[in-house]
Amino acid sequence: MKKLFFSFIAMMIAAAGYAQTTLVATLTHGDETSMFYGAFALRDAQDAAVDGDIVNLSGGSFQAVDIAKALTIRGTGVDDANPTCIIGDFSINLMDGVSDRLSFEGCRITGTISVVGVLSNAYFLKSYIGGIDAYPGSSMVNGLFVNCLVYGLRLTESSSVQFANSYVENYRNDSYNATASFTNCVIH
């Protein structure tokens, strides 16, 4: 009996250890839910998504993917014991006329996000961002960053961004008509 009990406990510990290392992206589209697994789960979820869908990411490190759809991407939080990390550089290039908003919530983005074209109304909440760089001829319009850590920001063209309760390092404005407003922020 004792042997059976200890075998059961060992199996539960092994299962719990496996569950904590499994990378999962859960895609919500209306009433439908799909799950994708592994380091490339974010890419797979985006491939299956349409503008306006929600992708929830488990804790762990996901490979970066170029974002071409206006999605809500939610992680576990940057201060979580097992945070959601998006590893590597990627670009955001949404089609013109997309009415849905792109948002990142609770993600550690270790690389640089390159904005291609015009990115309107993007929302970043409680996220760590390695850097944001707008390509020449590109801009971020009405971007909003709340409770974020941003370790590199370059604005170009007609960009307009707002930061609230955030930390911004290496801020560079390459255009006379780009604007940034900061409320309760630390700029280094």
N, C-alpha and C. Protein backbone atom coordinates (compact mmCIF):
# COMPACT_ATOMS: atom_id res chain seq x y z
N MET A 1 0.83 -1.20 0.00
CA MET A 1 0.00 0.00 0.00
C MET A 1 0.87 1.25 0.00
N LYS A 2 1.92 1.21 0.84
CA LYS A 2 2.82 2.35 0.91
C LYS A 2 3.51 2.59 -0.42
N LYS A 3 3.90 1.50 -1.07
CA LYS A 3 4.58 1.59 -2.36
C LYS A 3 3.66 2.21 -3.41
N LEU A 4 2.41 1.82 -3.40
CA LEU A 4 1.42 2.37 -4.33
C LEU A 4 1.21 3.87 -4.09
N PHE A 5 1.14 4.25 -2.83
CA PHE A 5 0.96 5.66 -2.48
C PHE A 5 2.15 6.49 -2.98
N PHE A 6 3.38 6.06 -2.73
CA PHE A 6 4.55 6.79 -3.16
C PHE A 6 4.67 6.82 -4.68
N SER A 7 4.24 5.77 -5.35
CA SER A 7 4.25 5.76 -6.81
C SER A 7 3.29 6.80 -7.35
N PHE A 8 2.12 6.88 -6.71
CA PHE A 8 1.12 7.88 -7.11
C PHE A 8 1.67 9.30 -6.91
N ILE A 9 2.31 9.56 -5.78
CA ILE A 9 2.89 10.89 -5.50
C ILE A 9 3.96 11.21 -6.53
N ALA A 10 4.81 10.24 -6.87
CA ALA A 10 5.87 10.47 -7.87
C ALA A 10 5.28 10.81 -9.22
N MET A 11 4.20 10.13 -9.61
CA MET A 11 3.55 10.42 -10.89
C MET A 11 2.95 11.82 -10.88
N MET A 12 2.36 12.25 -9.79
CA MET A 12 1.76 13.59 -9.71
C MET A 12 2.83 14.67 -9.80
N ILE A 13 3.97 14.46 -9.15
CA ILE A 13 5.06 15.43 -9.22
C ILE A 13 5.60 15.51 -10.64
N ALA A 14 5.77 14.37 -11.29
CA ALA A 14 6.26 14.35 -12.67
C ALA A 14 5.28 15.05 -13.60
N ALA A 15 3.98 14.81 -13.41
CA ALA A 15 2.96 15.45 -14.25
C ALA A 15 2.94 16.96 -14.03
N ALA A 16 3.08 17.38 -12.77
CA ALA A 16 3.09 18.82 -12.47
C ALA A 16 4.31 19.48 -13.10
N GLY A 17 5.44 18.84 -13.05
CA GLY A 17 6.65 19.39 -13.68
C GLY A 17 6.49 19.51 -15.18
N TYR A 18 5.86 18.55 -15.83
CA TYR A 18 5.63 18.60 -17.26
C TYR A 18 4.66 19.72 -17.61
N ALA A 19 3.60 19.85 -16.83
CA ALA A 19 2.58 20.86 -17.11
C ALA A 19 3.16 22.27 -17.03
N GLN A 20 4.11 22.49 -16.13
CA GLN A 20 4.67 23.82 -15.98
C GLN A 20 5.60 24.19 -17.13
N THR A 21 6.12 23.21 -17.85
CA THR A 21 7.04 23.53 -18.94
C THR A 21 6.38 23.47 -20.30
N THR A 22 5.11 23.10 -20.37
CA THR A 22 4.41 23.03 -21.64
C THR A 22 3.99 24.43 -22.07
N LEU A 23 4.38 24.81 -23.26
CA LEU A 23 4.02 26.12 -23.81
C LEU A 23 2.69 26.00 -24.54
N VAL A 24 1.75 26.86 -24.18
CA VAL A 24 0.41 26.79 -24.75
C VAL A 24 -0.04 28.18 -25.19
N ALA A 25 -0.56 28.27 -26.40
CA ALA A 25 -1.23 29.48 -26.89
C ALA A 25 -2.69 29.10 -27.12
N THR A 26 -3.58 29.80 -26.43
CA THR A 26 -5.01 29.54 -26.56
C THR A 26 -5.63 30.66 -27.38
N LEU A 27 -6.18 30.30 -28.52
CA LEU A 27 -6.80 31.26 -29.44
C LEU A 27 -8.30 31.25 -29.21
N THR A 28 -8.86 32.45 -28.97
CA THR A 28 -10.30 32.59 -28.81
C THR A 28 -10.84 33.40 -29.97
N HIS A 29 -11.76 32.79 -30.71
CA HIS A 29 -12.42 33.44 -31.85
C HIS A 29 -13.92 33.25 -31.64
N GLY A 30 -14.58 34.31 -31.16
CA GLY A 30 -16.00 34.20 -30.84
C GLY A 30 -16.20 33.16 -29.75
N ASP A 31 -17.01 32.14 -30.04
CA ASP A 31 -17.26 31.06 -29.08
C ASP A 31 -16.30 29.89 -29.26
N GLU A 32 -15.42 29.97 -30.24
CA GLU A 32 -14.50 28.87 -30.52
C GLU A 32 -13.16 29.08 -29.81
N THR A 33 -12.59 27.99 -29.32
CA THR A 33 -11.29 28.02 -28.67
C THR A 33 -10.41 26.96 -29.30
N SER A 34 -9.18 27.35 -29.64
CA SER A 34 -8.20 26.41 -30.19
C SER A 34 -6.93 26.53 -29.38
N MET A 35 -6.21 25.42 -29.24
CA MET A 35 -4.96 25.43 -28.48
C MET A 35 -3.81 24.98 -29.37
N PHE A 36 -2.67 25.66 -29.18
CA PHE A 36 -1.46 25.36 -29.93
C PHE A 36 -0.33 25.17 -28.92
N TYR A 37 0.59 24.27 -29.22
CA TYR A 37 1.61 23.90 -28.25
C TYR A 37 3.01 24.08 -28.81
N GLY A 38 3.95 24.38 -27.91
CA GLY A 38 5.36 24.44 -28.26
C GLY A 38 5.87 25.86 -28.41
N ALA A 39 7.16 25.97 -28.70
CA ALA A 39 7.83 27.27 -28.80
C ALA A 39 7.27 28.13 -29.93
N PHE A 40 6.66 27.51 -30.94
CA PHE A 40 6.11 28.25 -32.08
C PHE A 40 4.58 28.36 -32.00
N ALA A 41 4.03 28.19 -30.81
CA ALA A 41 2.58 28.24 -30.63
C ALA A 41 2.00 29.62 -30.95
N LEU A 42 2.75 30.69 -30.66
CA LEU A 42 2.26 32.03 -30.99
C LEU A 42 2.12 32.18 -32.50
N ARG A 43 3.09 31.70 -33.25
CA ARG A 43 3.03 31.75 -34.72
C ARG A 43 1.81 30.96 -35.22
N ASP A 44 1.62 29.76 -34.68
CA ASP A 44 0.51 28.91 -35.12
C ASP A 44 -0.83 29.55 -34.79
N ALA A 45 -0.94 30.16 -33.61
CA ALA A 45 -2.19 30.82 -33.22
C ALA A 45 -2.47 32.01 -34.14
N GLN A 46 -1.44 32.80 -34.45
CA GLN A 46 -1.65 33.94 -35.34
C GLN A 46 -2.07 33.48 -36.73
N ASP A 47 -1.47 32.40 -37.22
CA ASP A 47 -1.84 31.88 -38.54
C ASP A 47 -3.32 31.51 -38.60
N ALA A 48 -3.86 31.00 -37.50
CA ALA A 48 -5.26 30.57 -37.46
C ALA A 48 -6.22 31.70 -37.09
N ALA A 49 -5.70 32.83 -36.63
CA ALA A 49 -6.53 33.93 -36.12
C ALA A 49 -6.97 34.87 -37.22
N VAL A 50 -7.97 35.69 -36.87
CA VAL A 50 -8.39 36.82 -37.69
C VAL A 50 -8.34 38.06 -36.81
N ASP A 51 -8.35 39.24 -37.43
CA ASP A 51 -8.32 40.49 -36.66
C ASP A 51 -9.40 40.47 -35.58
N GLY A 52 -9.03 40.91 -34.38
CA GLY A 52 -9.97 40.98 -33.27
C GLY A 52 -9.93 39.78 -32.34
N ASP A 53 -9.21 38.71 -32.71
CA ASP A 53 -9.14 37.52 -31.86
C ASP A 53 -8.22 37.75 -30.67
N ILE A 54 -8.33 36.86 -29.68
CA ILE A 54 -7.53 36.93 -28.46
C ILE A 54 -6.64 35.69 -28.39
N VAL A 55 -5.35 35.92 -28.08
CA VAL A 55 -4.40 34.83 -27.89
C VAL A 55 -3.87 34.93 -26.47
N ASN A 56 -4.14 33.92 -25.64
CA ASN A 56 -3.61 33.85 -24.29
C ASN A 56 -2.42 32.91 -24.30
N LEU A 57 -1.29 33.38 -23.75
CA LEU A 57 -0.06 32.59 -23.72
C LEU A 57 0.23 32.13 -22.30
N SER A 58 0.65 30.89 -22.18
CA SER A 58 1.09 30.38 -20.88
C SER A 58 2.43 31.00 -20.53
N GLY A 59 2.92 30.71 -19.35
CA GLY A 59 4.27 31.12 -19.00
C GLY A 59 5.27 30.33 -19.81
N GLY A 60 6.45 30.91 -20.02
CA GLY A 60 7.49 30.24 -20.79
C GLY A 60 7.94 31.12 -21.94
N SER A 61 8.88 30.61 -22.73
CA SER A 61 9.50 31.38 -23.82
C SER A 61 8.98 30.95 -25.18
N PHE A 62 8.32 31.88 -25.86
CA PHE A 62 7.79 31.65 -27.20
C PHE A 62 8.69 32.36 -28.20
N GLN A 63 8.86 31.77 -29.38
CA GLN A 63 9.63 32.40 -30.45
C GLN A 63 8.81 33.55 -31.02
N ALA A 64 9.49 34.66 -31.27
CA ALA A 64 8.82 35.83 -31.85
C ALA A 64 8.34 35.51 -33.25
N VAL A 65 7.27 36.18 -33.63
CA VAL A 65 6.71 36.03 -34.97
C VAL A 65 6.29 37.42 -35.44
N ASP A 66 6.48 37.71 -36.72
CA ASP A 66 6.02 38.99 -37.26
C ASP A 66 4.51 39.06 -37.14
N ILE A 67 4.01 40.16 -36.59
CA ILE A 67 2.58 40.31 -36.34
C ILE A 67 1.94 41.01 -37.54
N ALA A 68 0.94 40.35 -38.12
CA ALA A 68 0.26 40.89 -39.29
C ALA A 68 -1.25 41.00 -39.07
N LYS A 69 -1.70 40.76 -37.82
CA LYS A 69 -3.13 40.83 -37.51
C LYS A 69 -3.32 41.60 -36.22
N ALA A 70 -4.44 42.30 -36.11
CA ALA A 70 -4.76 43.07 -34.91
C ALA A 70 -5.33 42.13 -33.86
N LEU A 71 -4.46 41.60 -33.03
CA LEU A 71 -4.84 40.63 -32.01
C LEU A 71 -4.66 41.22 -30.62
N THR A 72 -5.30 40.62 -29.64
CA THR A 72 -4.99 40.87 -28.25
C THR A 72 -4.15 39.69 -27.80
N ILE A 73 -2.90 39.97 -27.41
CA ILE A 73 -1.98 38.92 -26.99
C ILE A 73 -1.73 39.12 -25.50
N ARG A 74 -2.14 38.13 -24.70
CA ARG A 74 -2.05 38.23 -23.25
C ARG A 74 -1.09 37.19 -22.70
N GLY A 75 -0.20 37.65 -21.83
CA GLY A 75 0.72 36.76 -21.14
C GLY A 75 0.35 36.63 -19.68
N THR A 76 1.21 35.95 -18.93
CA THR A 76 0.96 35.71 -17.51
C THR A 76 1.34 36.90 -16.64
N GLY A 77 2.09 37.84 -17.20
CA GLY A 77 2.55 38.99 -16.43
C GLY A 77 4.07 38.97 -16.34
N VAL A 78 4.67 40.15 -16.34
CA VAL A 78 6.13 40.22 -16.35
C VAL A 78 6.73 39.85 -15.00
N ASP A 79 5.98 39.95 -13.93
CA ASP A 79 6.49 39.63 -12.60
C ASP A 79 6.02 38.26 -12.11
N ASP A 80 5.38 37.51 -12.96
CA ASP A 80 4.91 36.18 -12.61
C ASP A 80 6.10 35.26 -12.37
N ALA A 81 5.94 34.23 -11.56
CA ALA A 81 7.02 33.28 -11.30
C ALA A 81 7.46 32.59 -12.59
N ASN A 82 6.54 32.40 -13.53
CA ASN A 82 6.85 31.82 -14.84
C ASN A 82 6.29 32.77 -15.90
N PRO A 83 7.00 33.88 -16.17
CA PRO A 83 6.45 34.90 -17.07
C PRO A 83 6.38 34.43 -18.52
N THR A 84 5.51 35.08 -19.27
CA THR A 84 5.43 34.86 -20.71
C THR A 84 6.50 35.70 -21.37
N CYS A 85 7.42 35.05 -22.09
CA CYS A 85 8.49 35.75 -22.79
C CYS A 85 8.33 35.51 -24.29
N ILE A 86 8.46 36.56 -25.05
CA ILE A 86 8.49 36.46 -26.51
C ILE A 86 9.93 36.79 -26.89
N ILE A 87 10.64 35.79 -27.39
CA ILE A 87 12.08 35.86 -27.60
C ILE A 87 12.41 36.26 -29.04
N GLY A 88 13.20 37.32 -29.20
CA GLY A 88 13.67 37.73 -30.52
C GLY A 88 13.00 38.97 -31.04
N ASP A 89 13.58 39.51 -32.10
CA ASP A 89 13.03 40.69 -32.77
C ASP A 89 11.86 40.29 -33.66
N PHE A 90 10.92 41.20 -33.84
CA PHE A 90 9.82 40.96 -34.79
C PHE A 90 9.27 42.29 -35.26
N SER A 91 8.48 42.23 -36.34
CA SER A 91 7.87 43.45 -36.88
C SER A 91 6.36 43.38 -36.71
N ILE A 92 5.77 44.55 -36.73
CA ILE A 92 4.31 44.68 -36.74
C ILE A 92 3.96 45.41 -38.02
N ASN A 93 3.17 44.77 -38.87
CA ASN A 93 2.78 45.35 -40.15
C ASN A 93 1.33 44.96 -40.41
N LEU A 94 0.41 45.82 -39.96
CA LEU A 94 -1.01 45.55 -40.14
C LEU A 94 -1.51 46.17 -41.44
N MET A 95 -2.49 45.53 -42.02
CA MET A 95 -3.09 46.03 -43.25
C MET A 95 -3.77 47.37 -42.99
N ASP A 96 -3.77 48.24 -43.99
CA ASP A 96 -4.46 49.52 -43.87
C ASP A 96 -5.95 49.28 -43.67
N GLY A 97 -6.56 50.13 -42.86
CA GLY A 97 -8.00 50.06 -42.67
C GLY A 97 -8.46 49.06 -41.63
N VAL A 98 -7.55 48.43 -40.90
CA VAL A 98 -7.96 47.49 -39.85
C VAL A 98 -8.55 48.29 -38.70
N SER A 99 -9.77 47.96 -38.31
CA SER A 99 -10.44 48.73 -37.25
C SER A 99 -10.17 48.16 -35.86
N ASP A 100 -9.72 46.92 -35.77
CA ASP A 100 -9.44 46.32 -34.47
C ASP A 100 -8.10 46.82 -33.95
N ARG A 101 -7.94 46.75 -32.64
CA ARG A 101 -6.73 47.25 -31.98
C ARG A 101 -5.79 46.10 -31.67
N LEU A 102 -4.50 46.32 -31.90
CA LEU A 102 -3.46 45.39 -31.49
C LEU A 102 -3.10 45.70 -30.05
N SER A 103 -3.05 44.68 -29.20
CA SER A 103 -2.61 44.93 -27.83
C SER A 103 -1.79 43.77 -27.29
N PHE A 104 -0.83 44.14 -26.46
CA PHE A 104 -0.01 43.19 -25.73
C PHE A 104 -0.23 43.47 -24.26
N GLU A 105 -0.49 42.42 -23.49
CA GLU A 105 -0.71 42.58 -22.06
C GLU A 105 0.11 41.52 -21.31
N GLY A 106 0.92 41.97 -20.36
CA GLY A 106 1.64 41.05 -19.49
C GLY A 106 2.67 40.19 -20.17
N CYS A 107 3.39 40.74 -21.15
CA CYS A 107 4.39 39.97 -21.89
C CYS A 107 5.78 40.59 -21.71
N ARG A 108 6.79 39.72 -21.67
CA ARG A 108 8.19 40.17 -21.72
C ARG A 108 8.64 39.97 -23.16
N ILE A 109 8.83 41.06 -23.86
CA ILE A 109 9.28 41.03 -25.24
C ILE A 109 10.76 41.37 -25.21
N THR A 110 11.62 40.38 -25.43
CA THR A 110 13.05 40.58 -25.22
C THR A 110 13.74 41.30 -26.37
N GLY A 111 13.20 41.23 -27.55
CA GLY A 111 13.82 41.85 -28.72
C GLY A 111 13.22 43.21 -29.01
N THR A 112 13.50 43.68 -30.21
CA THR A 112 13.00 44.97 -30.67
C THR A 112 11.80 44.75 -31.59
N ILE A 113 10.77 45.54 -31.38
CA ILE A 113 9.60 45.54 -32.25
C ILE A 113 9.83 46.60 -33.32
N SER A 114 9.76 46.21 -34.58
CA SER A 114 9.91 47.16 -35.69
C SER A 114 8.52 47.45 -36.27
N VAL A 115 8.15 48.71 -36.27
CA VAL A 115 6.86 49.12 -36.83
C VAL A 115 7.05 49.37 -38.32
N VAL A 116 6.21 48.72 -39.13
CA VAL A 116 6.26 48.87 -40.58
C VAL A 116 4.90 49.43 -41.01
N GLY A 117 4.90 50.51 -41.76
CA GLY A 117 3.64 51.13 -42.16
C GLY A 117 3.11 52.00 -41.04
N VAL A 118 1.80 52.12 -40.95
CA VAL A 118 1.17 52.92 -39.91
C VAL A 118 0.49 51.97 -38.92
N LEU A 119 0.91 52.05 -37.67
CA LEU A 119 0.31 51.26 -36.60
C LEU A 119 -0.56 52.19 -35.77
N SER A 120 -1.87 52.00 -35.84
CA SER A 120 -2.81 52.89 -35.15
C SER A 120 -3.40 52.22 -33.91
N ASN A 121 -3.49 53.01 -32.84
CA ASN A 121 -4.20 52.62 -31.61
C ASN A 121 -3.65 51.37 -30.93
N ALA A 122 -2.37 51.09 -31.07
CA ALA A 122 -1.79 49.93 -30.38
C ALA A 122 -1.77 50.20 -28.88
N TYR A 123 -1.94 49.14 -28.11
CA TYR A 123 -2.04 49.26 -26.65
C TYR A 123 -1.11 48.24 -26.01
N PHE A 124 -0.25 48.72 -25.13
CA PHE A 124 0.69 47.87 -24.41
C PHE A 124 0.43 48.08 -22.92
N LEU A 125 0.12 47.00 -22.21
CA LEU A 125 -0.22 47.08 -20.79
C LEU A 125 0.68 46.14 -20.00
N LYS A 126 1.29 46.66 -18.95
CA LYS A 126 2.10 45.86 -18.03
C LYS A 126 3.04 44.92 -18.76
N SER A 127 3.80 45.47 -19.69
CA SER A 127 4.71 44.67 -20.50
C SER A 127 6.12 45.20 -20.42
N TYR A 128 7.07 44.33 -20.66
CA TYR A 128 8.49 44.65 -20.76
C TYR A 128 8.82 44.57 -22.24
N ILE A 129 9.41 45.64 -22.79
CA ILE A 129 9.66 45.67 -24.22
C ILE A 129 11.13 46.04 -24.45
N GLY A 130 11.86 45.18 -25.13
CA GLY A 130 13.28 45.41 -25.39
C GLY A 130 13.54 46.65 -26.23
N GLY A 131 12.62 47.04 -27.08
CA GLY A 131 12.77 48.24 -27.88
C GLY A 131 11.67 48.35 -28.93
N ILE A 132 11.40 49.59 -29.33
CA ILE A 132 10.43 49.85 -30.40
C ILE A 132 11.11 50.79 -31.39
N ASP A 133 11.07 50.41 -32.64
CA ASP A 133 11.75 51.18 -33.68
C ASP A 133 10.81 51.28 -34.88
N ALA A 134 10.49 52.49 -35.27
CA ALA A 134 9.66 52.69 -36.46
C ALA A 134 10.57 52.86 -37.66
N TYR A 135 10.33 52.05 -38.69
CA TYR A 135 11.11 52.18 -39.92
C TYR A 135 10.89 53.57 -40.51
N PRO A 136 11.87 54.08 -41.25
CA PRO A 136 11.64 55.35 -41.97
C PRO A 136 10.40 55.24 -42.85
N GLY A 137 9.56 56.24 -42.79
CA GLY A 137 8.32 56.22 -43.55
C GLY A 137 7.19 55.54 -42.81
N SER A 138 7.47 55.03 -41.62
CA SER A 138 6.46 54.35 -40.80
C SER A 138 6.16 55.19 -39.57
N SER A 139 5.03 54.91 -38.94
CA SER A 139 4.70 55.65 -37.72
C SER A 139 3.76 54.86 -36.83
N MET A 140 3.79 55.22 -35.56
CA MET A 140 2.87 54.66 -34.58
C MET A 140 1.96 55.81 -34.16
N VAL A 141 0.67 55.69 -34.47
CA VAL A 141 -0.29 56.76 -34.21
C VAL A 141 -1.18 56.36 -33.05
N ASN A 142 -1.31 57.24 -32.06
CA ASN A 142 -2.14 57.00 -30.87
C ASN A 142 -1.75 55.73 -30.13
N GLY A 143 -0.46 55.46 -30.05
CA GLY A 143 0.02 54.33 -29.26
C GLY A 143 -0.09 54.64 -27.78
N LEU A 144 -0.47 53.65 -26.98
CA LEU A 144 -0.65 53.84 -25.55
C LEU A 144 0.12 52.77 -24.79
N PHE A 145 0.96 53.20 -23.86
CA PHE A 145 1.76 52.31 -23.03
C PHE A 145 1.41 52.60 -21.57
N VAL A 146 0.92 51.61 -20.86
CA VAL A 146 0.54 51.78 -19.47
C VAL A 146 1.29 50.75 -18.63
N ASN A 147 1.97 51.23 -17.59
CA ASN A 147 2.74 50.36 -16.68
C ASN A 147 3.71 49.47 -17.43
N CYS A 148 4.49 50.06 -18.32
CA CYS A 148 5.43 49.30 -19.14
C CYS A 148 6.87 49.69 -18.84
N LEU A 149 7.77 48.78 -19.15
CA LEU A 149 9.21 49.04 -19.15
C LEU A 149 9.65 48.97 -20.60
N VAL A 150 10.12 50.08 -21.16
CA VAL A 150 10.52 50.14 -22.57
C VAL A 150 11.99 50.54 -22.62
N TYR A 151 12.83 49.64 -23.16
CA TYR A 151 14.27 49.85 -23.14
C TYR A 151 14.83 50.32 -24.47
N GLY A 152 14.11 51.11 -25.17
CA GLY A 152 14.55 51.70 -26.43
C GLY A 152 13.34 52.13 -27.23
N LEU A 153 13.28 53.40 -27.58
CA LEU A 153 12.12 53.92 -28.32
C LEU A 153 12.62 54.93 -29.33
N ARG A 154 12.32 54.68 -30.60
CA ARG A 154 12.65 55.63 -31.65
C ARG A 154 11.37 55.95 -32.41
N LEU A 155 11.00 57.23 -32.43
CA LEU A 155 9.81 57.68 -33.14
C LEU A 155 10.22 58.35 -34.44
N THR A 156 9.43 58.11 -35.47
CA THR A 156 9.68 58.74 -36.76
C THR A 156 8.37 59.29 -37.31
N GLU A 157 8.48 60.08 -38.35
CA GLU A 157 7.35 60.63 -39.10
C GLU A 157 6.32 61.28 -38.19
N SER A 158 5.06 60.93 -38.34
CA SER A 158 3.97 61.56 -37.59
C SER A 158 3.52 60.70 -36.42
N SER A 159 4.46 60.11 -35.72
CA SER A 159 4.12 59.25 -34.59
C SER A 159 3.56 60.07 -33.44
N SER A 160 2.63 59.46 -32.72
CA SER A 160 2.10 60.06 -31.49
C SER A 160 1.85 58.93 -30.50
N VAL A 161 2.53 59.01 -29.36
CA VAL A 161 2.41 57.96 -28.35
C VAL A 161 2.22 58.60 -26.98
N GLN A 162 1.58 57.84 -26.10
CA GLN A 162 1.37 58.28 -24.72
C GLN A 162 1.89 57.19 -23.79
N PHE A 163 2.57 57.62 -22.74
CA PHE A 163 3.07 56.71 -21.72
C PHE A 163 2.48 57.12 -20.38
N ALA A 164 2.03 56.15 -19.61
CA ALA A 164 1.53 56.40 -18.26
C ALA A 164 2.15 55.38 -17.32
N ASN A 165 2.68 55.88 -16.21
CA ASN A 165 3.26 55.02 -15.18
C ASN A 165 4.27 54.04 -15.76
N SER A 166 5.14 54.51 -16.60
CA SER A 166 6.08 53.64 -17.32
C SER A 166 7.52 54.11 -17.14
N TYR A 167 8.44 53.23 -17.46
CA TYR A 167 9.86 53.53 -17.48
C TYR A 167 10.31 53.44 -18.93
N VAL A 168 10.95 54.51 -19.43
CA VAL A 168 11.39 54.55 -20.83
C VAL A 168 12.88 54.90 -20.85
N GLU A 169 13.64 54.08 -21.53
CA GLU A 169 15.07 54.29 -21.64
C GLU A 169 15.44 54.46 -23.12
N ASN A 170 16.45 55.26 -23.38
CA ASN A 170 16.95 55.49 -24.74
C ASN A 170 15.85 55.99 -25.69
N TYR A 171 15.17 57.05 -25.27
CA TYR A 171 14.12 57.66 -26.10
C TYR A 171 14.77 58.54 -27.15
N ARG A 172 14.37 58.34 -28.40
CA ARG A 172 14.92 59.12 -29.51
C ARG A 172 13.78 59.52 -30.44
N ASN A 173 13.70 60.80 -30.74
CA ASN A 173 12.67 61.32 -31.62
C ASN A 173 13.36 61.80 -32.89
N ASP A 174 13.16 61.10 -34.01
CA ASP A 174 13.83 61.42 -35.26
C ASP A 174 13.00 62.32 -36.18
N SER A 175 11.93 62.89 -35.68
CA SER A 175 11.08 63.71 -36.54
C SER A 175 10.55 64.91 -35.76
N TYR A 176 10.51 66.05 -36.40
CA TYR A 176 10.02 67.25 -35.72
C TYR A 176 8.51 67.19 -35.47
N ASN A 177 7.79 66.35 -36.19
CA ASN A 177 6.34 66.30 -35.98
C ASN A 177 5.88 65.03 -35.26
N ALA A 178 6.79 64.30 -34.63
CA ALA A 178 6.41 63.17 -33.78
C ALA A 178 6.25 63.68 -32.36
N THR A 179 5.23 63.17 -31.65
CA THR A 179 4.99 63.63 -30.28
C THR A 179 4.89 62.44 -29.34
N ALA A 180 5.35 62.67 -28.13
CA ALA A 180 5.21 61.68 -27.06
C ALA A 180 4.84 62.42 -25.79
N SER A 181 3.89 61.88 -25.07
CA SER A 181 3.53 62.48 -23.78
C SER A 181 3.78 61.45 -22.69
N PHE A 182 4.23 61.94 -21.54
CA PHE A 182 4.61 61.08 -20.43
C PHE A 182 3.90 61.55 -19.17
N THR A 183 3.18 60.65 -18.52
CA THR A 183 2.50 60.94 -17.27
C THR A 183 3.00 59.95 -16.21
N ASN A 184 3.54 60.50 -15.13
CA ASN A 184 4.08 59.66 -14.04
C ASN A 184 5.08 58.64 -14.56
N CYS A 185 6.02 59.08 -15.37
CA CYS A 185 7.01 58.19 -15.99
C CYS A 185 8.42 58.54 -15.56
N VAL A 186 9.29 57.58 -15.71
CA VAL A 186 10.71 57.81 -15.55
C VAL A 186 11.34 57.66 -16.93
N ILE A 187 12.07 58.69 -17.36
CA ILE A 187 12.73 58.66 -18.67
C ILE A 187 14.22 58.72 -18.41
N HIS A 188 14.91 57.74 -18.89
CA HIS A 188 16.36 57.63 -18.63
C HIS A 188 17.12 57.80 -19.92
